[in-house]
C-alpha atoms as a PDB file:
ATOM      1  CA  MET A   1     101.071  88.076  19.203  1.00  0.00           C
ATOM      2  CA  GLN A   2      99.741  88.220  22.386  1.00  0.00           C
ATOM      3  CA  GLU A   3      96.097  87.522  21.381  1.00  0.00           C
ATOM      4  CA  PRO A   4      96.424  83.933  20.205  1.00  0.00           C
ATOM      5  CA  ARG A   5      97.654  82.806  23.701  1.00  0.00           C
ATOM      6  CA  ASN A   6      94.492  84.780  25.287  1.00  0.00           C
ATOM      7  CA  VAL A   7      92.064  83.275  23.266  1.00  0.00           C
ATOM      8  CA  ASN A   8      93.754  79.720  23.685  1.00  0.00           C
ATOM      9  CA  LYS A   9      93.435  80.684  27.689  1.00  0.00           C
ATOM     10  CA  VAL A  10      89.764  81.208  27.381  1.00  0.00           C
ATOM     11  CA  ILE A  11      89.238  78.142  25.398  1.00  0.00           C
ATOM     12  CA  ARG A  12      90.839  76.008  27.785  1.00  0.00           C
ATOM     13  CA  GLN A  13      89.280  77.641  31.073  1.00  0.00           C
ATOM     14  CA  HIS A  14      86.141  77.139  29.135  1.00  0.00           C
ATOM     15  CA  LEU A  15      86.503  73.146  28.510  1.00  0.00           C
ATOM     16  CA  GLU A  16      87.916  72.635  31.991  1.00  0.00           C
ATOM     17  CA  MET A  17      84.570  74.572  33.337  1.00  0.00           C
ATOM     18  CA  ASN A  18      82.318  72.407  31.237  1.00  0.00           C
ATOM     19  CA  GLU A  19      84.215  69.137  32.362  1.00  0.00           C
ATOM     20  CA  PHE A  20      83.624  70.262  35.657  1.00  0.00           C
ATOM     21  CA  LEU A  21      80.072  71.051  35.295  1.00  0.00           C
ATOM     22  CA  THR A  22      79.216  68.252  33.279  1.00  0.00           C
ATOM     23  CA  GLY A  23      81.625  65.354  33.605  1.00  0.00           C
ATOM     24  CA  GLY A  24      84.601  65.242  36.385  1.00  0.00           C
ATOM     25  CA  PHE A  25      82.007  66.925  38.737  1.00  0.00           C
ATOM     26  CA  VAL A  26      79.273  64.333  38.087  1.00  0.00           C
ATOM     27  CA  VAL A  27      81.447  61.491  38.232  1.00  0.00           C
ATOM     28  CA  ARG A  28      83.550  62.401  41.574  1.00  0.00           C
ATOM     29  CA  GLY A  29      79.816  63.082  43.051  1.00  0.00           C
ATOM     30  CA  ARG A  30      78.713  59.548  42.158  1.00  0.00           C
ATOM     31  CA  ASP A  31      81.876  57.913  43.459  1.00  0.00           C
ATOM     32  CA  LEU A  32      81.679  59.752  46.660  1.00  0.00           C
ATOM     33  CA  THR A  33      77.726  58.867  47.141  1.00  0.00           C
ATOM     34  CA  GLN A  34      78.489  55.297  46.247  1.00  0.00           C
ATOM     35  CA  GLN A  35      80.997  55.065  48.877  1.00  0.00           C
ATOM     36  CA  GLN A  36      78.849  56.509  51.555  1.00  0.00           C
ATOM     37  CA  ILE A  37      76.307  54.066  50.722  1.00  0.00           C
ATOM     38  CA  GLN A  38      78.517  51.004  50.704  1.00  0.00           C
ATOM     39  CA  ASN A  39      79.822  52.696  54.313  1.00  0.00           C
ATOM     40  CA  ASP A  40      76.115  52.944  55.565  1.00  0.00           C
ATOM     41  CA  GLU A  41      75.285  49.562  54.367  1.00  0.00           C
ATOM     42  CA  ALA A  42      78.494  48.223  56.280  1.00  0.00           C
ATOM     43  CA  THR A  43      77.887  50.073  59.575  1.00  0.00           C
ATOM     44  CA  ASP A  44      74.113  48.452  58.986  1.00  0.00           C
ATOM     45  CA  ASN A  45      75.536  45.389  59.237  1.00  0.00           C
ATOM     46  CA  LYS A  46      77.438  45.561  61.781  1.00  0.00           C
ATOM     47  CA  GLU A  47      74.743  46.972  64.034  1.00  0.00           C
ATOM     48  CA  MET A  48      72.388  43.992  63.145  1.00  0.00           C
ATOM     49  CA  GLU A  49      75.239  41.568  64.259  1.00  0.00           C
ATOM     50  CA  LEU A  50      75.886  43.137  67.470  1.00  0.00           C
ATOM     51  CA  GLU A  51      72.059  43.376  68.271  1.00  0.00           C
ATOM     52  CA  LYS A  52      72.028  39.430  67.060  1.00  0.00           C
ATOM     53  CA  ILE A  53      74.750  38.839  69.690  1.00  0.00           C
ATOM     54  CA  ALA A  54      72.789  40.857  72.136  1.00  0.00           C
ATOM     55  CA  ASP A  55      69.630  38.813  71.937  1.00  0.00           C
ATOM     56  CA  GLU A  56      71.673  35.464  72.020  1.00  0.00           C
ATOM     57  CA  VAL A  57      73.166  36.770  75.147  1.00  0.00           C
ATOM     58  CA  ARG A  58      69.197  37.518  76.438  1.00  0.00           C
ATOM     59  CA  GLN A  59      68.413  34.176  75.585  1.00  0.00           C
ATOM     60  CA  CYS A  60      71.456  32.860  77.233  1.00  0.00           C
ATOM     61  CA  ARG A  61      71.241  29.694  79.793  1.00  0.00           C
ATOM     62  CA  LYS A  62      74.482  28.204  79.793  1.00  0.00           C
ATOM     63  CA  CYS A  63      75.539  28.673  83.093  1.00  0.00           C
ATOM     64  CA  PRO A  64      73.679  29.597  86.567  1.00  0.00           C
ATOM     65  CA  LEU A  65      74.159  33.226  86.163  1.00  0.00           C
ATOM     66  CA  GLY A  66      71.419  33.180  83.675  1.00  0.00           C
ATOM     67  CA  SER A  67      68.929  32.135  86.249  1.00  0.00           C
ATOM     68  CA  LEU A  68      70.018  34.869  89.102  1.00  0.00           C
ATOM     69  CA  ARG A  69      70.334  37.775  86.637  1.00  0.00           C
ATOM     70  CA  THR A  70      68.047  40.664  86.133  1.00  0.00           C
ATOM     71  CA  ASN A  71      68.909  41.785  83.189  1.00  0.00           C
ATOM     72  CA  THR A  72      72.203  40.533  80.895  1.00  0.00           C
ATOM     73  CA  VAL A  73      74.519  43.315  79.821  1.00  0.00           C
ATOM     74  CA  ALA A  74      75.833  42.580  76.637  1.00  0.00           C
ATOM     75  CA  GLY A  75      77.263  45.842  75.883  1.00  0.00           C
ATOM     76  CA  GLU A  76      77.173  49.259  74.219  1.00  0.00           C
ATOM     77  CA  GLY A  77      78.636  51.953  71.854  1.00  0.00           C
ATOM     78  CA  SER A  78      79.449  52.664  68.066  1.00  0.00           C
ATOM     79  CA  ALA A  79      79.643  49.648  65.693  1.00  0.00           C
ATOM     80  CA  ASN A  80      82.270  51.719  64.425  1.00  0.00           C
ATOM     81  CA  ALA A  81      84.274  52.300  67.388  1.00  0.00           C
ATOM     82  CA  LEU A  82      88.161  52.472  67.073  1.00  0.00           C
ATOM     83  CA  LEU A  83      88.648  52.044  70.810  1.00  0.00           C
ATOM     84  CA  PHE A  84      86.986  49.056  72.693  1.00  0.00           C
ATOM     85  CA  PHE A  85      86.730  49.085  76.745  1.00  0.00           C
ATOM     86  CA  VAL A  86      86.699  45.666  78.181  1.00  0.00           C
ATOM     87  CA  GLY A  87      85.953  45.197  81.883  1.00  0.00           C
ATOM     88  CA  GLU A  88      85.258  42.058  84.144  1.00  0.00           C
ATOM     89  CA  ALA A  89      81.616  41.649  84.759  1.00  0.00           C
ATOM     90  CA  PRO A  90      78.386  43.637  85.756  1.00  0.00           C
ATOM     91  CA  GLY A  91      77.829  44.727  88.979  1.00  0.00           C
ATOM     92  CA  ALA A  92      74.522  45.521  91.220  1.00  0.00           C
ATOM     93  CA  ASP A  93      73.795  48.612  89.071  1.00  0.00           C
ATOM     94  CA  GLU A  94      74.480  47.334  85.539  1.00  0.00           C
ATOM     95  CA  ASP A  95      72.270  44.323  86.435  1.00  0.00           C
ATOM     96  CA  ALA A  96      69.701  46.422  87.313  1.00  0.00           C
ATOM     97  CA  GLN A  97      69.930  48.774  84.240  1.00  0.00           C
ATOM     98  CA  GLY A  98      71.245  46.621  81.838  1.00  0.00           C
ATOM     99  CA  ARG A  99      74.199  48.613  80.697  1.00  0.00           C
ATOM    100  CA  PRO A 100      77.652  48.068  81.268  1.00  0.00           C
ATOM    101  CA  PHE A 101      79.615  50.748  83.645  1.00  0.00           C
ATOM    102  CA  VAL A 102      76.796  52.735  84.944  1.00  0.00           C
ATOM    103  CA  GLY A 103      77.648  52.611  88.369  1.00  0.00           C
ATOM    104  CA  ARG A 104      80.342  54.325  90.250  1.00  0.00           C
ATOM    105  CA  ALA A 105      83.096  52.759  88.774  1.00  0.00           C
ATOM    106  CA  GLY A 106      81.404  53.564  85.330  1.00  0.00           C
ATOM    107  CA  LYS A 107      81.303  57.227  86.217  1.00  0.00           C
ATOM    108  CA  PHE A 108      84.743  56.875  87.077  1.00  0.00           C
ATOM    109  CA  LEU A 109      85.200  55.492  83.157  1.00  0.00           C
ATOM    110  CA  ASP A 110      83.220  58.159  81.794  1.00  0.00           C
ATOM    111  CA  ARG A 111      85.770  61.026  83.515  1.00  0.00           C
ATOM    112  CA  ILE A 112      88.523  58.740  81.864  1.00  0.00           C
ATOM    113  CA  ILE A 113      86.840  58.618  78.311  1.00  0.00           C
ATOM    114  CA  ALA A 114      86.115  62.650  78.665  1.00  0.00           C
ATOM    115  CA  ALA A 115      89.434  63.432  79.773  1.00  0.00           C
ATOM    116  CA  MET A 116      90.262  61.677  76.216  1.00  0.00           C
ATOM    117  CA  GLN A 117      88.181  64.303  74.453  1.00  0.00           C
ATOM    118  CA  LEU A 118      85.802  61.334  73.459  1.00  0.00           C
ATOM    119  CA  LYS A 119      82.293  60.790  74.097  1.00  0.00           C
ATOM    120  CA  ARG A 120      80.888  57.371  75.399  1.00  0.00           C
ATOM    121  CA  CYS A 121      79.108  57.120  72.451  1.00  0.00           C
ATOM    122  CA  ASP A 122      82.323  57.009  69.943  1.00  0.00           C
ATOM    123  CA  VAL A 123      83.895  53.759  71.889  1.00  0.00           C
ATOM    124  CA  PHE A 124      82.025  50.109  72.634  1.00  0.00           C
ATOM    125  CA  ILE A 125      82.214  49.055  76.236  1.00  0.00           C
ATOM    126  CA  GLY A 126      81.651  45.348  77.123  1.00  0.00           C
ATOM    127  CA  ASN A 127      82.504  42.996  79.607  1.00  0.00           C
ATOM    128  CA  ILE A 128      84.120  39.258  79.778  1.00  0.00           C
ATOM    129  CA  ILE A 129      81.010  38.223  81.735  1.00  0.00           C
ATOM    130  CA  LYS A 130      77.475  39.438  80.737  1.00  0.00           C
ATOM    131  CA  CYS A 131      75.903  38.240  83.971  1.00  0.00           C
ATOM    132  CA  ARG A 132      76.432  39.690  87.308  1.00  0.00           C
ATOM    133  CA  PRO A 133      78.021  37.251  89.664  1.00  0.00           C
ATOM    134  CA  PRO A 134      76.518  36.910  93.271  1.00  0.00           C
ATOM    135  CA  GLU A 135      77.956  39.465  95.399  1.00  0.00           C
ATOM    136  CA  ASN A 136      80.245  40.537  92.723  1.00  0.00           C
ATOM    137  CA  ARG A 137      82.358  37.606  93.107  1.00  0.00           C
ATOM    138  CA  ASP A 138      85.218  36.433  90.491  1.00  0.00           C
ATOM    139  CA  PRO A 139      83.800  34.512  87.663  1.00  0.00           C
ATOM    140  CA  LYS A 140      84.043  31.078  87.605  1.00  0.00           C
ATOM    141  CA  PRO A 141      86.384  29.336  84.802  1.00  0.00           C
ATOM    142  CA  ASP A 142      83.041  27.716  83.328  1.00  0.00           C
ATOM    143  CA  GLU A 143      81.362  30.940  83.628  1.00  0.00           C
ATOM    144  CA  VAL A 144      84.019  32.472  81.464  1.00  0.00           C
ATOM    145  CA  ALA A 145      84.300  29.758  78.901  1.00  0.00           C
ATOM    146  CA  ASN A 146      80.558  30.026  78.053  1.00  0.00           C
ATOM    147  CA  CYS A 147      80.713  33.838  77.824  1.00  0.00           C
ATOM    148  CA  LEU A 148      83.849  34.769  76.299  1.00  0.00           C
ATOM    149  CA  PRO A 149      82.756  33.694  72.963  1.00  0.00           C
ATOM    150  CA  TYR A 150      79.883  36.825  72.591  1.00  0.00           C
ATOM    151  CA  LEU A 151      82.615  39.133  73.447  1.00  0.00           C
ATOM    152  CA  GLN A 152      85.081  37.664  71.097  1.00  0.00           C
ATOM    153  CA  ARG A 153      82.301  38.029  68.509  1.00  0.00           C
ATOM    154  CA  GLN A 154      81.444  41.596  69.632  1.00  0.00           C
ATOM    155  CA  ILE A 155      85.131  42.447  69.067  1.00  0.00           C
ATOM    156  CA  GLU A 156      84.941  40.903  65.810  1.00  0.00           C
ATOM    157  CA  GLN A 157      82.222  42.936  64.566  1.00  0.00           C
ATOM    158  CA  VAL A 158      83.580  46.379  65.969  1.00  0.00           C
ATOM    159  CA  SER A 159      87.106  45.736  64.786  1.00  0.00           C
ATOM    160  CA  PRO A 160      88.518  48.104  66.733  1.00  0.00           C
ATOM    161  CA  ARG A 161      92.195  49.292  66.426  1.00  0.00           C
ATOM    162  CA  VAL A 162      92.767  49.423  70.428  1.00  0.00           C
ATOM    163  CA  ILE A 163      91.154  47.519  73.128  1.00  0.00           C
ATOM    164  CA  VAL A 164      91.820  48.585  76.663  1.00  0.00           C
ATOM    165  CA  ALA A 165      91.551  45.833  79.192  1.00  0.00           C
ATOM    166  CA  LEU A 166      90.239  47.233  82.498  1.00  0.00           C
ATOM    167  CA  GLY A 167      91.470  45.407  85.360  1.00  0.00           C
ATOM    168  CA  ALA A 168      93.444  41.914  85.797  1.00  0.00           C
ATOM    169  CA  HIS A 169      90.577  39.653  85.093  1.00  0.00           C
ATOM    170  CA  ALA A 170      90.047  41.354  81.693  1.00  0.00           C
ATOM    171  CA  ALA A 171      93.486  41.804  80.713  1.00  0.00           C
ATOM    172  CA  LYS A 172      94.566  38.117  81.875  1.00  0.00           C
ATOM    173  CA  THR A 173      91.644  36.678  80.062  1.00  0.00           C
ATOM    174  CA  LEU A 174      91.886  38.340  76.801  1.00  0.00           C
ATOM    175  CA  LEU A 175      95.718  37.905  76.842  1.00  0.00           C
ATOM    176  CA  GLU A 176      95.711  34.270  78.150  1.00  0.00           C
ATOM    177  CA  SER A 177      98.183  35.394  80.506  1.00  0.00           C
ATOM    178  CA  THR A 178      98.710  34.900  84.567  1.00  0.00           C
ATOM    179  CA  LYS A 179     100.766  38.307  85.212  1.00  0.00           C
ATOM    180  CA  SER A 180      99.583  40.635  87.382  1.00  0.00           C
ATOM    181  CA  ILE A 181      98.293  44.208  86.109  1.00  0.00           C
ATOM    182  CA  GLY A 182     101.159  45.796  87.433  1.00  0.00           C
ATOM    183  CA  GLU A 183     103.120  43.515  84.936  1.00  0.00           C
ATOM    184  CA  LEU A 184     100.787  44.051  81.974  1.00  0.00           C
ATOM    185  CA  ARG A 185      99.965  47.882  82.319  1.00  0.00           C
ATOM    186  CA  GLY A 186     101.766  50.377  80.387  1.00  0.00           C
ATOM    187  CA  GLN A 187     102.739  48.753  77.421  1.00  0.00           C
ATOM    188  CA  PHE A 188     100.594  47.423  74.175  1.00  0.00           C
ATOM    189  CA  HIS A 189     100.223  43.357  73.923  1.00  0.00           C
ATOM    190  CA  GLU A 190      99.018  41.465  71.006  1.00  0.00           C
ATOM    191  CA  TYR A 191      95.087  40.599  70.854  1.00  0.00           C
ATOM    192  CA  TYR A 192      94.452  37.515  68.439  1.00  0.00           C
ATOM    193  CA  PRO A 193      90.900  37.825  67.378  1.00  0.00           C
ATOM    194  CA  GLY A 194      90.920  34.565  65.371  1.00  0.00           C
ATOM    195  CA  PHE A 195      92.318  32.513  62.792  1.00  0.00           C
ATOM    196  CA  ALA A 196      93.546  34.789  59.647  1.00  0.00           C
ATOM    197  CA  ARG A 197      92.621  38.006  61.342  1.00  0.00           C
ATOM    198  CA  PRO A 198      95.143  40.536  62.108  1.00  0.00           C
ATOM    199  CA  THR A 199      96.056  41.046  65.774  1.00  0.00           C
ATOM    200  CA  ILE A 200      94.720  44.165  67.736  1.00  0.00           C
ATOM    201  CA  LYS A 201      96.811  46.587  70.024  1.00  0.00           C
ATOM    202  CA  LEU A 202      95.923  45.879  73.363  1.00  0.00           C
ATOM    203  CA  MET A 203      96.276  48.247  76.566  1.00  0.00           C
ATOM    204  CA  ALA A 204      95.829  46.784  80.018  1.00  0.00           C
ATOM    205  CA  THR A 205      95.359  49.349  82.812  1.00  0.00           C
ATOM    206  CA  TYR A 206      93.524  49.708  86.295  1.00  0.00           C
ATOM    207  CA  HIS A 207      89.928  49.005  86.659  1.00  0.00           C
ATOM    208  CA  PRO A 208      87.961  52.126  87.809  1.00  0.00           C
ATOM    209  CA  ALA A 209      86.654  50.488  90.670  1.00  0.00           C
ATOM    210  CA  TYR A 210      90.374  49.497  91.653  1.00  0.00           C
ATOM    211  CA  LEU A 211      90.901  53.332  91.538  1.00  0.00           C
ATOM    212  CA  LEU A 212      88.125  54.236  93.642  1.00  0.00           C
ATOM    213  CA  ARG A 213      89.311  51.705  96.294  1.00  0.00           C
ATOM    214  CA  ASN A 214      92.885  52.774  95.626  1.00  0.00           C
ATOM    215  CA  TYR A 215      92.818  56.518  94.749  1.00  0.00           C
ATOM    216  CA  SER A 216      96.094  58.542  94.568  1.00  0.00           C
ATOM    217  CA  LEU A 217      97.786  60.792  92.461  1.00  0.00           C
ATOM    218  CA  ASP A 218     100.383  57.958  91.318  1.00  0.00           C
ATOM    219  CA  ASN A 219      97.574  55.613  90.458  1.00  0.00           C
ATOM    220  CA  ARG A 220      95.738  58.434  88.535  1.00  0.00           C
ATOM    221  CA  LYS A 221      98.901  59.383  86.568  1.00  0.00           C
ATOM    222  CA  ARG A 222      99.506  55.711  85.527  1.00  0.00           C
ATOM    223  CA  VAL A 223      96.256  55.345  83.806  1.00  0.00           C
ATOM    224  CA  TRP A 224      96.474  58.392  82.257  1.00  0.00           C
ATOM    225  CA  GLU A 225      99.853  57.645  80.798  1.00  0.00           C
ATOM    226  CA  ASP A 226      98.294  54.359  79.596  1.00  0.00           C
ATOM    227  CA  MET A 227      95.380  56.400  77.832  1.00  0.00           C
ATOM    228  CA  LYS A 228      98.097  58.759  76.589  1.00  0.00           C
ATOM    229  CA  LYS A 229      99.552  55.769  74.912  1.00  0.00           C
ATOM    230  CA  VAL A 230      96.383  54.332  73.355  1.00  0.00           C
ATOM    231  CA  LEU A 231      95.222  58.051  71.941  1.00  0.00           C
ATOM    232  CA  SER A 232      98.878  58.185  70.416  1.00  0.00           C
ATOM    233  CA  GLU A 233      98.142  54.866  68.643  1.00  0.00           C
ATOM    234  CA  LEU A 234      94.887  55.987  67.234  1.00  0.00           C
ATOM    235  CA  GLY A 235      96.495  59.104  66.031  1.00  0.00           C
ATOM    236  CA  LEU A 236      94.143  60.825  68.226  1.00  0.00           C
ATOM    237  CA  PRO A 237      95.598  64.359  69.778  1.00  0.00           C
ATOM    238  CA  VAL A 238      96.724  63.977  73.521  1.00  0.00           C
ATOM    239  CA  PRO A 239      94.976  66.601  75.997  1.00  0.00           C
ATOM    240  CA  ASP A 240      96.997  67.961  78.454  1.00  0.00           C
ATOM    241  CA  GLN A 241      96.204  66.881  82.101  1.00  0.00           C
ATOM    242  CA  SER A 242      98.806  68.220  84.051  1.00  0.00           C
ATOM    243  CA  LYS A 243      96.964  71.159  85.235  1.00  0.00           C
ATOM    244  CA  LYS A 244      93.813  69.242  86.420  1.00  0.00           C
END
């Protein structure tokens, strides 16, 4: 009476193995390969669009800043970034190198990103203004109006889950708010990328340049509290910085 059950078990196992080797495995493998191809194509399309925007920025002469710059600073990072940092405008180092946040404030931002256990290549970094204002003055309203659409298109292409606005100018511009950075930071706001598009969570925090000018343990703690909320929103682990 025991033998038939054993025979049936062997037959069932044989059929399952045959399906795995000749049918099910191949189908699943094909599905995974096709999905990867689609993902790669989507990434390629994003990168092409971001490079197109960067090229338009390089050609831009919509305001006088275009004739004063050494290099445009379109922005850089992953086309699939979940996190998008936005500053105000390039400084002297950025203007010289054509890259965002590479001076002293940029090194401080790198430290923040590293503390989040991320790398610069994991995120996207850009500015409201793509050319350096003379003497690092605040951007004028017409300069913002001419340049902001480039950033908006970059955000649309990357489609991050969270935007971090670095400093009052970036936060006020993206949120169309008149509140101070002290009032805006520490809580999530909604950024509206355009008609019929889902909103994106935005966290405002102090600009790294502000931290360099006004460094204190309290200000460092405030920024880290903001970043902890960002990590939680992204579903990423929150490192313990209490002993650092």
